[in-house]
Protein backbone atom coordinates (compact mmCIF):
# COMPACT_ATOMS: atom_id res chain seq x y z
CA UNK A 1 11.79 -3.40 44.36
CA UNK A 2 13.83 -0.79 42.45
CA UNK A 3 16.26 -3.36 41.35
CA UNK A 4 13.39 -5.88 40.16
CA UNK A 5 12.35 -2.71 38.02
CA UNK A 6 15.92 -2.41 36.85
CA UNK A 7 15.67 -5.72 35.36
CA UNK A 8 12.54 -6.09 34.46
CA UNK A 9 12.73 -2.62 31.96
CA UNK A 10 15.68 -4.26 29.95
CA UNK A 11 13.76 -8.12 30.06
CA UNK A 12 10.83 -6.09 28.36
CA UNK A 13 12.65 -4.49 25.87
CA UNK A 14 14.36 -7.75 24.49
CA UNK A 15 10.94 -9.47 24.28
CA UNK A 16 9.65 -6.69 22.23
CA UNK A 17 12.66 -6.80 19.80
CA UNK A 18 12.49 -10.36 19.87
CA UNK A 19 8.61 -9.97 19.05
CA UNK A 20 9.18 -7.06 16.43
CA UNK A 21 12.00 -9.06 14.52
CA UNK A 22 9.86 -12.34 14.66
CA UNK A 23 6.96 -10.83 12.42
CA UNK A 24 9.12 -9.45 9.88
CA UNK A 25 9.36 -12.55 7.67
CA UNK A 26 5.31 -12.53 7.45
CA UNK A 27 3.67 -11.07 4.48
CA UNK A 28 2.64 -7.55 4.72
CA UNK A 29 -0.49 -5.49 3.06
CA UNK A 30 0.35 -1.78 2.18
CA UNK A 31 -2.58 0.54 1.55
CA UNK A 32 -3.57 3.76 0.30
CA UNK A 33 -6.63 5.95 -0.16
CA UNK A 34 -7.70 8.93 -2.28
CA UNK A 35 -8.28 11.95 -0.58
CA UNK A 36 -12.18 11.68 0.23
CA UNK A 37 -11.56 7.96 0.75
CA UNK A 38 -13.64 7.18 -1.79
CA UNK A 39 -10.97 4.84 -3.94
CA UNK A 40 -8.29 2.58 -2.15
CA UNK A 41 -5.50 0.31 -2.95
CA UNK A 42 -3.99 -2.65 -0.92
CA UNK A 43 -0.79 -4.22 -1.91
CA UNK A 44 0.50 -7.52 -1.02
CA UNK A 45 4.00 -7.93 -1.22
CA UNK A 46 3.75 -11.83 -1.68
CA UNK A 47 2.61 -12.14 -5.26
CA UNK A 48 3.56 -8.32 -5.74
CA UNK A 49 -0.65 -7.73 -6.13
CA UNK A 50 -2.47 -4.66 -5.82
CA UNK A 51 -6.22 -4.87 -5.14
CA UNK A 52 -8.36 -1.46 -6.17
CA UNK A 53 -11.53 -1.02 -4.99
CA UNK A 54 -14.06 1.82 -5.44
CA UNK A 55 -16.52 2.64 -2.52
CA UNK A 56 -18.50 5.51 -3.66
CA UNK A 57 -21.50 5.57 -6.27
CA UNK A 58 -20.21 8.69 -7.66
CA UNK A 59 -19.63 7.54 -11.16
CA UNK A 60 -15.87 8.08 -10.98
CA UNK A 61 -12.99 5.56 -11.88
CA UNK A 62 -10.09 4.82 -9.01
CA UNK A 63 -6.63 5.37 -10.25
CA UNK A 64 -3.60 3.72 -8.80
CA UNK A 65 0.00 5.52 -9.39
CA UNK A 66 2.91 3.97 -8.58
CA UNK A 67 6.60 4.96 -9.29
CA UNK A 68 8.59 2.36 -11.31
CA UNK A 69 10.13 -0.38 -8.70
CA UNK A 70 13.49 -0.27 -7.74
CA UNK A 71 16.00 -2.29 -5.72
CA UNK A 72 18.08 1.22 -5.15
CA UNK A 73 16.42 4.13 -3.36
CA UNK A 74 12.92 4.91 -4.39
CA UNK A 75 11.73 8.18 -5.02
CA UNK A 76 8.19 9.82 -5.75
CA UNK A 77 10.09 11.74 -8.45
CA UNK A 78 10.75 8.37 -10.61
CA UNK A 79 8.85 6.97 -13.68
CA UNK A 80 5.37 6.68 -12.76
CA UNK A 81 2.71 3.88 -13.89
CA UNK A 82 -0.78 4.49 -13.89
CA UNK A 83 -3.46 1.61 -13.49
CA UNK A 84 -7.11 2.83 -13.82
CA UNK A 85 -10.14 0.87 -12.46
CA UNK A 86 -13.61 2.18 -13.96
CA UNK A 87 -15.48 -1.16 -13.39
CA UNK A 88 -17.65 0.78 -11.17
CA UNK A 89 -18.57 0.47 -7.21
CA UNK A 90 -17.24 -2.70 -5.30
CA UNK A 91 -17.52 -1.48 -1.86
CA UNK A 92 -15.40 -2.47 0.79
CA UNK A 93 -15.38 -6.19 -0.02
CA UNK A 94 -11.99 -7.36 -0.88
CA UNK A 95 -13.65 -10.41 -3.31
CA UNK A 96 -14.86 -7.90 -5.28
CA UNK A 97 -11.86 -5.88 -5.53
CA UNK A 98 -9.90 -5.27 -9.04
CA UNK A 99 -6.92 -7.19 -9.15
CA UNK A 100 -3.86 -5.66 -10.67
CA UNK A 101 -0.56 -8.68 -10.82
CA UNK A 102 2.85 -6.91 -11.24
CA UNK A 103 6.38 -8.78 -11.95
CA UNK A 104 8.62 -7.03 -9.57
CA UNK A 105 12.00 -7.88 -8.68
CA UNK A 106 12.35 -9.28 -5.38
CA UNK A 107 13.21 -6.49 -3.03
CA UNK A 108 11.89 -3.85 -5.20
CA UNK A 109 10.50 -0.87 -3.64
CA UNK A 110 8.26 2.03 -4.88
CA UNK A 111 5.88 4.61 -3.91
CA UNK A 112 1.98 4.31 -4.54
CA UNK A 113 -1.29 6.56 -4.01
CA UNK A 114 -4.65 6.52 -4.83
CA UNK A 115 -7.10 9.12 -6.87
CA UNK A 116 -9.97 9.06 -9.22
CA UNK A 117 -10.56 9.52 -12.87
CA UNK A 118 -13.61 10.62 -14.98
CA UNK A 119 -13.95 9.78 -18.75
CA UNK A 120 -10.16 8.69 -18.50
CA UNK A 121 -8.82 12.06 -17.00
CA UNK A 122 -7.80 12.44 -13.80
CA UNK A 123 -9.45 13.99 -11.34
CA UNK A 124 -7.74 17.18 -9.76
CA UNK A 125 -6.69 16.85 -6.17
CA UNK A 126 -7.99 13.58 -5.68
CA UNK A 127 -4.72 11.57 -4.69
CA UNK A 128 -4.17 10.76 -1.16
CA UNK A 129 -0.86 10.76 0.08
CA UNK A 130 2.24 8.67 -1.17
CA UNK A 131 3.11 5.28 0.77
CA UNK A 132 6.18 3.50 0.90
CA UNK A 133 5.91 -0.35 -0.41
CA UNK A 134 8.09 -3.25 -1.35
CA UNK A 135 7.93 -6.38 -2.74
CA UNK A 136 8.79 -9.54 -0.89
CA UNK A 137 12.45 -11.46 -1.06
């Protein structure tokens, strides 16, 4: 029995490696939320598209902030681009989301996060954490 176990562990590890790398060619979706989860953004690497949703009826808009995409090493200190959605409550239904299309270079990577805006101004403390994403090749 111990001999069988010694053979089974490397076989399972090899299978996990094959399964893990097989999925790497599929499209990925990256997600970020505001600090209070009232706003969220989804980035789709195929098509370089963001979908922004507002899930609270608090009268505030949702701000997507992302760093300038680069094929080098992205940093949260890079130039930032802000996209504000102020169209009101969307709920969690992505069919109602605000769609923001970008034109990124293949394999460009960047950081993004979500916060809130009120009357065009950023709401202090509302950003969630930074999330790394990359455009598809």
